[in-house]
Amino acid sequence: MPNESEKEQLWKIYELLPEELQKAIFSVETADAIWNVCEKYEINEVNKLAKDVGNSLMGFLPPEKFQATIEKEFKLKPEIAERVALEIDRFIFYPVGPLLDKLYHPETASSSGTPGIKSEIKPDSETEKTLRKDDYREPIK
């Protein structure tokens, strides 16, 4: 449980988030999606999953690492962790996707020049490699 100064810091970070992300953190839809996923995949620690989702929405856990985190944290089989992550992505992260992109990757944010909330966050080398690799493009001849 965070102490008072940590709670204050979390609220300050929360207040810096775009309004849409703030709403997503505490929305009934987000809570319902988390509850439904936990029920469907027999995850008994709803609060723990909600915290992980909240960490992603606040800028502490990149959505790209969400699946690996829950797989390890809940000791899930990889295919179950993938399904859980896909559902969380579909119902929670996807609707606020552009805002999450700005939050985690401000250097690739819109061309308007608007800086991201967490401009100090840099992708780690593993994420950077994933971002640069593009198997879908064919060379132009």
C-alpha atoms as a PDB file:
ATOM      1  CA  MET A   1       0.000   0.000   0.000  1.00  0.00           C
ATOM      2  CA  PRO A   2       1.466   3.375  -0.968  1.00  0.00           C
ATOM      3  CA  ASN A   3       2.264   5.842   1.784  1.00  0.00           C
ATOM      4  CA  GLU A   4       0.872   9.409   1.785  1.00  0.00           C
ATOM      5  CA  SER A   5       3.693  10.981  -0.259  1.00  0.00           C
ATOM      6  CA  GLU A   6       3.417   8.213  -2.880  1.00  0.00           C
ATOM      7  CA  LYS A   7      -0.345   8.771  -3.070  1.00  0.00           C
ATOM      8  CA  GLU A   8       0.230  12.488  -3.596  1.00  0.00           C
ATOM      9  CA  GLN A   9       2.706  11.766  -6.382  1.00  0.00           C
ATOM     10  CA  LEU A  10       0.246   9.379  -8.042  1.00  0.00           C
ATOM     11  CA  TRP A  11      -2.491  12.023  -7.925  1.00  0.00           C
ATOM     12  CA  LYS A  12      -0.135  14.604  -9.447  1.00  0.00           C
ATOM     13  CA  ILE A  13       0.670  12.225 -12.298  1.00  0.00           C
ATOM     14  CA  TYR A  14      -3.025  11.409 -12.691  1.00  0.00           C
ATOM     15  CA  GLU A  15      -3.851  15.122 -12.954  1.00  0.00           C
ATOM     16  CA  LEU A  16      -1.319  15.496 -15.793  1.00  0.00           C
ATOM     17  CA  LEU A  17      -3.027  12.798 -17.855  1.00  0.00           C
ATOM     18  CA  PRO A  18      -5.441  13.711 -20.635  1.00  0.00           C
ATOM     19  CA  GLU A  19      -9.056  13.754 -19.460  1.00  0.00           C
ATOM     20  CA  GLU A  20      -9.932  10.700 -21.542  1.00  0.00           C
ATOM     21  CA  LEU A  21      -7.262   8.605 -19.784  1.00  0.00           C
ATOM     22  CA  GLN A  22      -8.424   9.893 -16.406  1.00  0.00           C
ATOM     23  CA  LYS A  23     -11.959   8.790 -17.228  1.00  0.00           C
ATOM     24  CA  ALA A  24     -10.754   5.392 -18.460  1.00  0.00           C
ATOM     25  CA  ILE A  25      -8.944   4.714 -15.177  1.00  0.00           C
ATOM     26  CA  PHE A  26     -12.089   5.058 -13.083  1.00  0.00           C
ATOM     27  CA  SER A  27     -14.804   4.202 -15.593  1.00  0.00           C
ATOM     28  CA  VAL A  28     -17.482   1.594 -15.035  1.00  0.00           C
ATOM     29  CA  GLU A  29     -16.664   0.154 -18.465  1.00  0.00           C
ATOM     30  CA  THR A  30     -13.047  -0.429 -17.448  1.00  0.00           C
ATOM     31  CA  ALA A  31     -14.107  -2.041 -14.173  1.00  0.00           C
ATOM     32  CA  ASP A  32     -16.647  -4.246 -15.994  1.00  0.00           C
ATOM     33  CA  ALA A  33     -14.067  -5.313 -18.585  1.00  0.00           C
ATOM     34  CA  ILE A  34     -11.580  -6.263 -15.868  1.00  0.00           C
ATOM     35  CA  TRP A  35     -14.249  -8.128 -13.902  1.00  0.00           C
ATOM     36  CA  ASN A  36     -15.426 -10.015 -17.004  1.00  0.00           C
ATOM     37  CA  VAL A  37     -11.889 -11.033 -17.965  1.00  0.00           C
ATOM     38  CA  CYS A  38     -11.164 -12.236 -14.429  1.00  0.00           C
ATOM     39  CA  GLU A  39     -14.362 -14.237 -14.356  1.00  0.00           C
ATOM     40  CA  LYS A  40     -13.821 -15.713 -17.826  1.00  0.00           C
ATOM     41  CA  TYR A  41     -10.226 -16.791 -17.176  1.00  0.00           C
ATOM     42  CA  GLU A  42     -10.676 -17.632 -13.488  1.00  0.00           C
ATOM     43  CA  ILE A  43      -8.340 -14.939 -12.181  1.00  0.00           C
ATOM     44  CA  ASN A  44      -9.153 -14.532  -8.499  1.00  0.00           C
ATOM     45  CA  GLU A  45      -7.177 -11.350  -7.927  1.00  0.00           C
ATOM     46  CA  VAL A  46      -9.348  -8.729  -9.622  1.00  0.00           C
ATOM     47  CA  ASN A  47      -7.702  -5.888  -7.690  1.00  0.00           C
ATOM     48  CA  LYS A  48      -4.238  -6.964  -8.827  1.00  0.00           C
ATOM     49  CA  LEU A  49      -5.281  -7.035 -12.496  1.00  0.00           C
ATOM     50  CA  ALA A  50      -7.031  -3.682 -12.066  1.00  0.00           C
ATOM     51  CA  LYS A  51      -3.792  -2.264 -10.655  1.00  0.00           C
ATOM     52  CA  ASP A  52      -1.834  -3.539 -13.682  1.00  0.00           C
ATOM     53  CA  VAL A  53      -4.380  -2.004 -16.059  1.00  0.00           C
ATOM     54  CA  GLY A  54      -4.229   1.244 -14.092  1.00  0.00           C
ATOM     55  CA  ASN A  55      -0.439   1.211 -14.231  1.00  0.00           C
ATOM     56  CA  SER A  56      -0.624   0.959 -18.014  1.00  0.00           C
ATOM     57  CA  LEU A  57      -3.146   3.789 -18.250  1.00  0.00           C
ATOM     58  CA  MET A  58      -1.020   5.965 -15.927  1.00  0.00           C
ATOM     59  CA  GLY A  59       2.212   5.466 -17.849  1.00  0.00           C
ATOM     60  CA  PHE A  60       4.030   2.977 -15.609  1.00  0.00           C
ATOM     61  CA  LEU A  61       3.556  -0.283 -17.543  1.00  0.00           C
ATOM     62  CA  PRO A  62       3.785  -0.133 -21.339  1.00  0.00           C
ATOM     63  CA  PRO A  63       0.899  -2.007 -22.984  1.00  0.00           C
ATOM     64  CA  GLU A  64       3.533  -3.955 -24.959  1.00  0.00           C
ATOM     65  CA  LYS A  65       4.726  -5.467 -21.675  1.00  0.00           C
ATOM     66  CA  PHE A  66       1.280  -6.062 -20.197  1.00  0.00           C
ATOM     67  CA  GLN A  67       0.990  -9.674 -21.365  1.00  0.00           C
ATOM     68  CA  ALA A  68       4.408 -10.696 -20.051  1.00  0.00           C
ATOM     69  CA  THR A  69       3.701  -8.960 -16.752  1.00  0.00           C
ATOM     70  CA  ILE A  70       0.397 -10.701 -16.103  1.00  0.00           C
ATOM     71  CA  GLU A  71       1.762 -14.048 -17.284  1.00  0.00           C
ATOM     72  CA  LYS A  72       4.498 -13.850 -14.673  1.00  0.00           C
ATOM     73  CA  GLU A  73       2.463 -12.176 -11.930  1.00  0.00           C
ATOM     74  CA  PHE A  74      -0.530 -14.529 -12.133  1.00  0.00           C
ATOM     75  CA  LYS A  75       1.466 -17.575 -13.241  1.00  0.00           C
ATOM     76  CA  LEU A  76      -0.700 -17.928 -16.345  1.00  0.00           C
ATOM     77  CA  LYS A  77      -0.034 -20.192 -19.297  1.00  0.00           C
ATOM     78  CA  PRO A  78       1.238 -18.109 -22.216  1.00  0.00           C
ATOM     79  CA  GLU A  79      -1.892 -18.714 -24.316  1.00  0.00           C
ATOM     80  CA  ILE A  80      -4.163 -17.630 -21.443  1.00  0.00           C
ATOM     81  CA  ALA A  81      -2.048 -14.541 -20.764  1.00  0.00           C
ATOM     82  CA  GLU A  82      -2.282 -13.699 -24.459  1.00  0.00           C
ATOM     83  CA  ARG A  83      -6.091 -13.996 -24.438  1.00  0.00           C
ATOM     84  CA  VAL A  84      -6.372 -11.892 -21.293  1.00  0.00           C
ATOM     85  CA  ALA A  85      -4.066  -9.233 -22.749  1.00  0.00           C
ATOM     86  CA  LEU A  86      -5.994  -9.205 -26.028  1.00  0.00           C
ATOM     87  CA  GLU A  87      -9.298  -8.653 -24.246  1.00  0.00           C
ATOM     88  CA  ILE A  88      -7.858  -5.922 -22.034  1.00  0.00           C
ATOM     89  CA  ASP A  89      -6.367  -4.311 -25.120  1.00  0.00           C
ATOM     90  CA  ARG A  90      -9.625  -4.542 -27.049  1.00  0.00           C
ATOM     91  CA  PHE A  91     -11.912  -3.181 -24.371  1.00  0.00           C
ATOM     92  CA  ILE A  92      -9.637  -0.825 -22.423  1.00  0.00           C
ATOM     93  CA  PHE A  93      -6.414   0.125 -24.216  1.00  0.00           C
ATOM     94  CA  TYR A  94      -7.659   0.319 -27.816  1.00  0.00           C
ATOM     95  CA  PRO A  95     -10.280   3.040 -27.194  1.00  0.00           C
ATOM     96  CA  VAL A  96      -7.555   5.295 -25.759  1.00  0.00           C
ATOM     97  CA  GLY A  97      -4.788   4.002 -28.023  1.00  0.00           C
ATOM     98  CA  PRO A  98      -3.672   7.336 -29.505  1.00  0.00           C
ATOM     99  CA  LEU A  99      -3.364   8.807 -26.020  1.00  0.00           C
ATOM    100  CA  LEU A 100      -1.344   5.821 -24.828  1.00  0.00           C
ATOM    101  CA  ASP A 101       0.919   6.223 -27.867  1.00  0.00           C
ATOM    102  CA  LYS A 102       1.546   9.855 -26.912  1.00  0.00           C
ATOM    103  CA  LEU A 103       2.167   8.825 -23.324  1.00  0.00           C
ATOM    104  CA  TYR A 104       4.686   6.072 -24.076  1.00  0.00           C
ATOM    105  CA  HIS A 105       6.127   7.266 -27.387  1.00  0.00           C
ATOM    106  CA  PRO A 106       6.007  11.073 -27.405  1.00  0.00           C
ATOM    107  CA  GLU A 107       8.669  11.259 -30.116  1.00  0.00           C
ATOM    108  CA  THR A 108       6.301   9.531 -32.561  1.00  0.00           C
ATOM    109  CA  ALA A 109       3.212  11.425 -31.390  1.00  0.00           C
ATOM    110  CA  SER A 110       1.131  13.484 -33.777  1.00  0.00           C
ATOM    111  CA  SER A 111       2.812  15.920 -36.099  1.00  0.00           C
ATOM    112  CA  SER A 112       1.205  18.802 -34.223  1.00  0.00           C
ATOM    113  CA  GLY A 113       4.299  18.932 -32.072  1.00  0.00           C
ATOM    114  CA  THR A 114       2.341  18.320 -28.891  1.00  0.00           C
ATOM    115  CA  PRO A 115       4.702  16.654 -26.442  1.00  0.00           C
ATOM    116  CA  GLY A 116       3.608  13.538 -24.608  1.00  0.00           C
ATOM    117  CA  ILE A 117       2.852  13.514 -20.903  1.00  0.00           C
ATOM    118  CA  LYS A 118       5.888  11.394 -20.067  1.00  0.00           C
ATOM    119  CA  SER A 119       8.477  12.883 -22.389  1.00  0.00           C
ATOM    120  CA  GLU A 120      11.203  11.445 -20.169  1.00  0.00           C
ATOM    121  CA  ILE A 121      10.055   7.867 -20.854  1.00  0.00           C
ATOM    122  CA  LYS A 122      12.197   6.212 -23.486  1.00  0.00           C
ATOM    123  CA  PRO A 123      11.415   2.775 -24.898  1.00  0.00           C
ATOM    124  CA  ASP A 124      13.850   0.106 -23.773  1.00  0.00           C
ATOM    125  CA  SER A 125      15.993  -1.630 -26.375  1.00  0.00           C
ATOM    126  CA  GLU A 126      13.585  -4.590 -26.695  1.00  0.00           C
ATOM    127  CA  THR A 127      10.611  -2.294 -27.359  1.00  0.00           C
ATOM    128  CA  GLU A 128      12.693  -0.164 -29.709  1.00  0.00           C
ATOM    129  CA  LYS A 129      13.633  -3.223 -31.786  1.00  0.00           C
ATOM    130  CA  THR A 130       9.977  -4.243 -31.944  1.00  0.00           C
ATOM    131  CA  LEU A 131       8.993  -0.758 -33.091  1.00  0.00           C
ATOM    132  CA  ARG A 132      11.625  -0.674 -35.812  1.00  0.00           C
ATOM    133  CA  LYS A 133      10.993  -4.169 -37.139  1.00  0.00           C
ATOM    134  CA  ASP A 134       8.300  -4.176 -39.808  1.00  0.00           C
ATOM    135  CA  ASP A 135       7.688  -7.553 -41.399  1.00  0.00           C
ATOM    136  CA  TYR A 136       4.732  -6.295 -43.395  1.00  0.00           C
ATOM    137  CA  ARG A 137       6.511  -3.959 -45.744  1.00  0.00           C
ATOM    138  CA  GLU A 138       7.968  -5.143 -48.980  1.00  0.00           C
ATOM    139  CA  PRO A 139      10.938  -3.433 -50.540  1.00  0.00           C
ATOM    140  CA  ILE A 140      10.096  -0.869 -53.221  1.00  0.00           C
ATOM    141  CA  LYS A 141      11.598  -1.703 -56.588  1.00  0.00           C
END
